[in-house]
Amino acid sequence: MPLDAFLRERLVCPQDHGELLYIEGNGGSDEVLYNPRLRQVYRIDDGIPVLLIPEARSVDDAEHDALIARSGG
């Protein structure tokens, strides 16, 4: 279930309060919100963003590049 566009425009990173990139997965699965500045991924469970700092996951250079490519940037 893709995240609502209205909601996506208003969500910010809980750590630096900056913009998050929405990364849609295959058919709406594996969708995440990504902060490329901090290289932190926030999962989306059943259409609900999990924006808890302890739940964020760090990414390495290869995954960062892949996420940027998937975001269209």
PDB file of N, CA and C in Angstrom:
ATOM      1  N   MET A   1       0.844  -1.173   0.000  1.00  0.00           N
ATOM      2  CA  MET A   1       0.000   0.000   0.000  1.00  0.00           C
ATOM      3  C   MET A   1       0.892   1.241   0.000  1.00  0.00           C
ATOM      4  N   PRO A   2       0.965   1.930  -1.123  1.00  0.00           N
ATOM      5  CA  PRO A   2       1.828   3.119  -1.200  1.00  0.00           C
ATOM      6  C   PRO A   2       1.402   4.203  -0.212  1.00  0.00           C
ATOM      7  N   LEU A   3       2.389   4.896   0.280  1.00  0.00           N
ATOM      8  CA  LEU A   3       2.154   5.971   1.244  1.00  0.00           C
ATOM      9  C   LEU A   3       1.467   7.149   0.555  1.00  0.00           C
ATOM     10  N   ASP A   4       0.472   7.694   1.191  1.00  0.00           N
ATOM     11  CA  ASP A   4      -0.310   8.808   0.665  1.00  0.00           C
ATOM     12  C   ASP A   4       0.587  10.008   0.361  1.00  0.00           C
ATOM     13  N   ALA A   5       0.396  10.620  -0.814  1.00  0.00           N
ATOM     14  CA  ALA A   5       1.221  11.753  -1.243  1.00  0.00           C
ATOM     15  C   ALA A   5       1.093  12.943  -0.297  1.00  0.00           C
ATOM     16  N   PHE A   6      -0.095  13.202   0.207  1.00  0.00           N
ATOM     17  CA  PHE A   6      -0.310  14.304   1.152  1.00  0.00           C
ATOM     18  C   PHE A   6       0.554  14.114   2.402  1.00  0.00           C
ATOM     19  N   LEU A   7       0.577  12.890   2.907  1.00  0.00           N
ATOM     20  CA  LEU A   7       1.369  12.573   4.091  1.00  0.00           C
ATOM     21  C   LEU A   7       2.860  12.652   3.783  1.00  0.00           C
ATOM     22  N   ARG A   8       3.281  12.119   2.644  1.00  0.00           N
ATOM     23  CA  ARG A   8       4.701  12.133   2.261  1.00  0.00           C
ATOM     24  C   ARG A   8       5.270  13.540   2.244  1.00  0.00           C
ATOM     25  N   GLU A   9       4.486  14.498   1.778  1.00  0.00           N
ATOM     26  CA  GLU A   9       4.961  15.875   1.676  1.00  0.00           C
ATOM     27  C   GLU A   9       5.178  16.526   3.036  1.00  0.00           C
ATOM     28  N   ARG A  10       4.566  15.992   4.063  1.00  0.00           N
ATOM     29  CA  ARG A  10       4.619  16.624   5.380  1.00  0.00           C
ATOM     30  C   ARG A  10       5.548  15.942   6.380  1.00  0.00           C
ATOM     31  N   LEU A  11       5.979  14.748   6.065  1.00  0.00           N
ATOM     32  CA  LEU A  11       6.854  14.018   6.976  1.00  0.00           C
ATOM     33  C   LEU A  11       8.283  14.538   6.887  1.00  0.00           C
ATOM     34  N   VAL A  12       8.927  14.636   8.021  1.00  0.00           N
ATOM     35  CA  VAL A  12      10.336  15.026   8.084  1.00  0.00           C
ATOM     36  C   VAL A  12      11.081  14.026   8.969  1.00  0.00           C
ATOM     37  N   CYS A  13      12.374  14.033   8.840  1.00  0.00           N
ATOM     38  CA  CYS A  13      13.215  13.152   9.642  1.00  0.00           C
ATOM     39  C   CYS A  13      13.142  13.569  11.109  1.00  0.00           C
ATOM     40  N   PRO A  14      12.948  12.625  12.018  1.00  0.00           N
ATOM     41  CA  PRO A  14      12.895  12.974  13.435  1.00  0.00           C
ATOM     42  C   PRO A  14      14.262  13.383  14.006  1.00  0.00           C
ATOM     43  N   GLN A  15      15.336  13.088  13.272  1.00  0.00           N
ATOM     44  CA  GLN A  15      16.669  13.430  13.777  1.00  0.00           C
ATOM     45  C   GLN A  15      17.106  14.836  13.366  1.00  0.00           C
ATOM     46  N   ASP A  16      17.024  15.147  12.067  1.00  0.00           N
ATOM     47  CA  ASP A  16      17.501  16.465  11.621  1.00  0.00           C
ATOM     48  C   ASP A  16      16.385  17.360  11.085  1.00  0.00           C
ATOM     49  N   HIS A  17      15.158  16.873  11.125  1.00  0.00           N
ATOM     50  CA  HIS A  17      13.962  17.625  10.712  1.00  0.00           C
ATOM     51  C   HIS A  17      13.997  18.043   9.240  1.00  0.00           C
ATOM     52  N   GLY A  18      14.814  17.343   8.453  1.00  0.00           N
ATOM     53  CA  GLY A  18      14.900  17.613   7.024  1.00  0.00           C
ATOM     54  C   GLY A  18      13.997  16.692   6.221  1.00  0.00           C
ATOM     55  N   GLU A  19      13.977  16.934   4.926  1.00  0.00           N
ATOM     56  CA  GLU A  19      13.155  16.178   3.994  1.00  0.00           C
ATOM     57  C   GLU A  19      13.572  14.712   3.945  1.00  0.00           C
ATOM     58  N   LEU A  20      12.583  13.851   3.766  1.00  0.00           N
ATOM     59  CA  LEU A  20      12.818  12.424   3.582  1.00  0.00           C
ATOM     60  C   LEU A  20      12.455  12.042   2.153  1.00  0.00           C
ATOM     61  N   LEU A  21      13.233  11.154   1.570  1.00  0.00           N
ATOM     62  CA  LEU A  21      12.909  10.625   0.252  1.00  0.00           C
ATOM     63  C   LEU A  21      12.011   9.408   0.425  1.00  0.00           C
ATOM     64  N   TYR A  22      10.955   9.347  -0.363  1.00  0.00           N
ATOM     65  CA  TYR A  22      10.077   8.186  -0.357  1.00  0.00           C
ATOM     66  C   TYR A  22      10.587   7.215  -1.405  1.00  0.00           C
ATOM     67  N   ILE A  23      10.899   6.004  -0.981  1.00  0.00           N
ATOM     68  CA  ILE A  23      11.393   4.972  -1.880  1.00  0.00           C
ATOM     69  C   ILE A  23      10.339   3.882  -1.938  1.00  0.00           C
ATOM     70  N   GLU A  24       9.674   3.790  -3.086  1.00  0.00           N
ATOM     71  CA  GLU A  24       8.639   2.780  -3.243  1.00  0.00           C
ATOM     72  C   GLU A  24       9.277   1.486  -3.709  1.00  0.00           C
ATOM     73  N   GLY A  25       8.821   0.389  -3.137  1.00  0.00           N
ATOM     74  CA  GLY A  25       9.336  -0.918  -3.508  1.00  0.00           C
ATOM     75  C   GLY A  25       8.573  -1.514  -4.663  1.00  0.00           C
ATOM     76  N   ASN A  26       8.772  -2.774  -4.869  1.00  0.00           N
ATOM     77  CA  ASN A  26       8.097  -3.497  -5.944  1.00  0.00           C
ATOM     78  C   ASN A  26       6.640  -3.720  -5.589  1.00  0.00           C
ATOM     79  N   GLY A  27       5.746  -3.115  -6.346  1.00  0.00           N
ATOM     80  CA  GLY A  27       4.322  -3.283  -6.090  1.00  0.00           C
ATOM     81  C   GLY A  27       3.885  -2.726  -4.754  1.00  0.00           C
ATOM     82  N   GLY A  28       4.613  -1.741  -4.219  1.00  0.00           N
ATOM     83  CA  GLY A  28       4.248  -1.135  -2.948  1.00  0.00           C
ATOM     84  C   GLY A  28       4.878  -1.815  -1.747  1.00  0.00           C
ATOM     85  N   SER A  29       5.540  -2.959  -1.967  1.00  0.00           N
ATOM     86  CA  SER A  29       6.214  -3.616  -0.846  1.00  0.00           C
ATOM     87  C   SER A  29       7.634  -3.071  -0.735  1.00  0.00           C
ATOM     88  N   ASP A  30       8.221  -3.228   0.413  1.00  0.00           N
ATOM     89  CA  ASP A  30       9.582  -2.755   0.666  1.00  0.00           C
ATOM     90  C   ASP A  30       9.718  -1.239   0.539  1.00  0.00           C
ATOM     91  N   GLU A  31       8.644  -0.511   0.762  1.00  0.00           N
ATOM     92  CA  GLU A  31       8.740   0.937   0.698  1.00  0.00           C
ATOM     93  C   GLU A  31       9.355   1.458   1.990  1.00  0.00           C
ATOM     94  N   VAL A  32      10.144   2.527   1.852  1.00  0.00           N
ATOM     95  CA  VAL A  32      10.822   3.118   3.000  1.00  0.00           C
ATOM     96  C   VAL A  32      10.881   4.629   2.823  1.00  0.00           C
ATOM     97  N   LEU A  33      11.201   5.305   3.902  1.00  0.00           N
ATOM     98  CA  LEU A  33      11.549   6.720   3.876  1.00  0.00           C
ATOM     99  C   LEU A  33      13.044   6.792   4.152  1.00  0.00           C
ATOM    100  N   TYR A  34      13.742   7.628   3.388  1.00  0.00           N
ATOM    101  CA  TYR A  34      15.199   7.658   3.476  1.00  0.00           C
ATOM    102  C   TYR A  34      15.714   9.079   3.666  1.00  0.00           C
ATOM    103  N   ASN A  35      16.620   9.227   4.628  1.00  0.00           N
ATOM    104  CA  ASN A  35      17.320  10.487   4.846  1.00  0.00           C
ATOM    105  C   ASN A  35      18.735  10.321   4.289  1.00  0.00           C
ATOM    106  N   PRO A  36      18.991  10.882   3.092  1.00  0.00           N
ATOM    107  CA  PRO A  36      20.317  10.701   2.496  1.00  0.00           C
ATOM    108  C   PRO A  36      21.424  11.486   3.212  1.00  0.00           C
ATOM    109  N   ARG A  37      21.058  12.509   3.961  1.00  0.00           N
ATOM    110  CA  ARG A  37      22.064  13.291   4.688  1.00  0.00           C
ATOM    111  C   ARG A  37      22.668  12.476   5.826  1.00  0.00           C
ATOM    112  N   LEU A  38      21.822  11.756   6.543  1.00  0.00           N
ATOM    113  CA  LEU A  38      22.285  10.928   7.671  1.00  0.00           C
ATOM    114  C   LEU A  38      22.435   9.465   7.300  1.00  0.00           C
ATOM    115  N   ARG A  39      21.998   9.127   6.073  1.00  0.00           N
ATOM    116  CA  ARG A  39      22.020   7.742   5.577  1.00  0.00           C
ATOM    117  C   ARG A  39      21.255   6.815   6.513  1.00  0.00           C
ATOM    118  N   GLN A  40      20.032   7.242   6.829  1.00  0.00           N
ATOM    119  CA  GLN A  40      19.150   6.489   7.709  1.00  0.00           C
ATOM    120  C   GLN A  40      17.872   6.114   6.954  1.00  0.00           C
ATOM    121  N   VAL A  41      17.455   4.867   7.123  1.00  0.00           N
ATOM    122  CA  VAL A  41      16.232   4.353   6.505  1.00  0.00           C
ATOM    123  C   VAL A  41      15.192   4.137   7.593  1.00  0.00           C
ATOM    124  N   TYR A  42      13.971   4.591   7.307  1.00  0.00           N
ATOM    125  CA  TYR A  42      12.829   4.366   8.190  1.00  0.00           C
ATOM    126  C   TYR A  42      11.839   3.483   7.450  1.00  0.00           C
ATOM    127  N   ARG A  43      11.451   2.399   8.057  1.00  0.00           N
ATOM    128  CA  ARG A  43      10.533   1.475   7.399  1.00  0.00           C
ATOM    129  C   ARG A  43       9.103   2.004   7.430  1.00  0.00           C
ATOM    130  N   ILE A  44       8.286   1.441   6.575  1.00  0.00           N
ATOM    131  CA  ILE A  44       6.864   1.740   6.531  1.00  0.00           C
ATOM    132  C   ILE A  44       6.144   0.405   6.687  1.00  0.00           C
ATOM    133  N   ASP A  45       5.366   0.270   7.762  1.00  0.00           N
ATOM    134  CA  ASP A  45       4.638  -0.967   8.044  1.00  0.00           C
ATOM    135  C   ASP A  45       3.161  -0.784   7.728  1.00  0.00           C
ATOM    136  N   ASP A  46       2.678  -1.526   6.748  1.00  0.00           N
ATOM    137  CA  ASP A  46       1.260  -1.460   6.376  1.00  0.00           C
ATOM    138  C   ASP A  46       0.791  -0.030   6.156  1.00  0.00           C
ATOM    139  N   GLY A  47       1.612   0.765   5.477  1.00  0.00           N
ATOM    140  CA  GLY A  47       1.249   2.140   5.161  1.00  0.00           C
ATOM    141  C   GLY A  47       1.490   3.141   6.272  1.00  0.00           C
ATOM    142  N   ILE A  48       2.089   2.688   7.384  1.00  0.00           N
ATOM    143  CA  ILE A  48       2.338   3.573   8.523  1.00  0.00           C
ATOM    144  C   ILE A  48       3.850   3.768   8.686  1.00  0.00           C
ATOM    145  N   PRO A  49       4.336   5.001   8.515  1.00  0.00           N
ATOM    146  CA  PRO A  49       5.766   5.261   8.688  1.00  0.00           C
ATOM    147  C   PRO A  49       6.186   5.059  10.142  1.00  0.00           C
ATOM    148  N   VAL A  50       7.298   4.363  10.327  1.00  0.00           N
ATOM    149  CA  VAL A  50       7.853   4.142  11.661  1.00  0.00           C
ATOM    150  C   VAL A  50       9.027   5.113  11.809  1.00  0.00           C
ATOM    151  N   LEU A  51       8.733   6.298  12.336  1.00  0.00           N
ATOM    152  CA  LEU A  51       9.735   7.360  12.439  1.00  0.00           C
ATOM    153  C   LEU A  51      10.300   7.468  13.850  1.00  0.00           C
ATOM    154  N   LEU A  52      10.665   6.349  14.394  1.00  0.00           N
ATOM    155  CA  LEU A  52      11.298   6.290  15.710  1.00  0.00           C
ATOM    156  C   LEU A  52      12.802   6.176  15.502  1.00  0.00           C
ATOM    157  N   ILE A  53      13.558   7.070  16.113  1.00  0.00           N
ATOM    158  CA  ILE A  53      15.003   7.093  15.910  1.00  0.00           C
ATOM    159  C   ILE A  53      15.652   5.740  16.211  1.00  0.00           C
ATOM    160  N   PRO A  54      15.295   5.057  17.295  1.00  0.00           N
ATOM    161  CA  PRO A  54      15.926   3.758  17.552  1.00  0.00           C
ATOM    162  C   PRO A  54      15.583   2.687  16.511  1.00  0.00           C
ATOM    163  N   GLU A  55      14.521   2.896  15.754  1.00  0.00           N
ATOM    164  CA  GLU A  55      14.106   1.925  14.736  1.00  0.00           C
ATOM    165  C   GLU A  55      14.750   2.200  13.376  1.00  0.00           C
ATOM    166  N   ALA A  56      15.433   3.339  13.220  1.00  0.00           N
ATOM    167  CA  ALA A  56      16.084   3.671  11.951  1.00  0.00           C
ATOM    168  C   ALA A  56      17.243   2.713  11.709  1.00  0.00           C
ATOM    169  N   ARG A  57      17.533   2.511  10.428  1.00  0.00           N
ATOM    170  CA  ARG A  57      18.615   1.613  10.037  1.00  0.00           C
ATOM    171  C   ARG A  57      19.615   2.391   9.195  1.00  0.00           C
ATOM    172  N   SER A  58      20.892   2.255   9.520  1.00  0.00           N
ATOM    173  CA  SER A  58      21.956   2.901   8.744  1.00  0.00           C
ATOM    174  C   SER A  58      22.246   2.093   7.488  1.00  0.00           C
ATOM    175  N   VAL A  59      22.703   2.793   6.443  1.00  0.00           N
ATOM    176  CA  VAL A  59      23.040   2.111   5.197  1.00  0.00           C
ATOM    177  C   VAL A  59      24.488   2.375   4.822  1.00  0.00           C
ATOM    178  N   ASP A  60      25.061   1.454   4.062  1.00  0.00           N
ATOM    179  CA  ASP A  60      26.427   1.628   3.581  1.00  0.00           C
ATOM    180  C   ASP A  60      26.408   2.370   2.237  1.00  0.00           C
ATOM    181  N   ASP A  61      27.575   2.587   1.667  1.00  0.00           N
ATOM    182  CA  ASP A  61      27.679   3.350   0.417  1.00  0.00           C
ATOM    183  C   ASP A  61      26.894   2.705  -0.722  1.00  0.00           C
ATOM    184  N   ALA A  62      26.980   1.387  -0.858  1.00  0.00           N
ATOM    185  CA  ALA A  62      26.299   0.694  -1.955  1.00  0.00           C
ATOM    186  C   ALA A  62      24.781   0.820  -1.830  1.00  0.00           C
ATOM    187  N   GLU A  63      24.253   0.631  -0.620  1.00  0.00           N
ATOM    188  CA  GLU A  63      22.813   0.748  -0.432  1.00  0.00           C
ATOM    189  C   GLU A  63      22.357   2.197  -0.604  1.00  0.00           C
ATOM    190  N   HIS A  64      23.174   3.150  -0.153  1.00  0.00           N
ATOM    191  CA  HIS A  64      22.862   4.571  -0.349  1.00  0.00           C
ATOM    192  C   HIS A  64      22.698   4.867  -1.843  1.00  0.00           C
ATOM    193  N   ASP A  65      23.663   4.411  -2.640  1.00  0.00           N
ATOM    194  CA  ASP A  65      23.597   4.636  -4.090  1.00  0.00           C
ATOM    195  C   ASP A  65      22.366   3.989  -4.697  1.00  0.00           C
ATOM    196  N   ALA A  66      22.030   2.789  -4.245  1.00  0.00           N
ATOM    197  CA  ALA A  66      20.852   2.088  -4.763  1.00  0.00           C
ATOM    198  C   ALA A  66      19.561   2.823  -4.383  1.00  0.00           C
ATOM    199  N   LEU A  67      19.476   3.322  -3.168  1.00  0.00           N
ATOM    200  CA  LEU A  67      18.292   4.050  -2.742  1.00  0.00           C
ATOM    201  C   LEU A  67      18.135   5.364  -3.495  1.00  0.00           C
ATOM    202  N   ILE A  68      19.224   6.062  -3.719  1.00  0.00           N
ATOM    203  CA  ILE A  68      19.177   7.306  -4.489  1.00  0.00           C
ATOM    204  C   ILE A  68      18.700   7.013  -5.909  1.00  0.00           C
ATOM    205  N   ALA A  69      19.208   5.949  -6.510  1.00  0.00           N
ATOM    206  CA  ALA A  69      18.793   5.577  -7.859  1.00  0.00           C
ATOM    207  C   ALA A  69      17.297   5.232  -7.894  1.00  0.00           C
ATOM    208  N   ARG A  70      16.818   4.495  -6.882  1.00  0.00           N
ATOM    209  CA  ARG A  70      15.390   4.130  -6.822  1.00  0.00           C
ATOM    210  C   ARG A  70      14.504   5.342  -6.608  1.00  0.00           C
ATOM    211  N   SER A  71      15.041   6.387  -5.972  1.00  0.00           N
ATOM    212  CA  SER A  71      14.238   7.573  -5.700  1.00  0.00           C
ATOM    213  C   SER A  71      14.096   8.455  -6.937  1.00  0.00           C
ATOM    214  N   GLY A  72      14.877   8.164  -7.960  1.00  0.00           N
ATOM    215  CA  GLY A  72      14.849   8.973  -9.162  1.00  0.00           C
ATOM    216  C   GLY A  72      15.818  10.127  -9.117  1.00  0.00           C
ATOM    217  N   GLY A  73      16.604  10.196  -8.061  1.00  0.00           N
ATOM    218  CA  GLY A  73      17.559  11.308  -7.910  1.00  0.00           C
ATOM    219  C   GLY A  73      18.886  10.879  -8.273  1.00  0.00           C
TER     220      GLY A  73
END
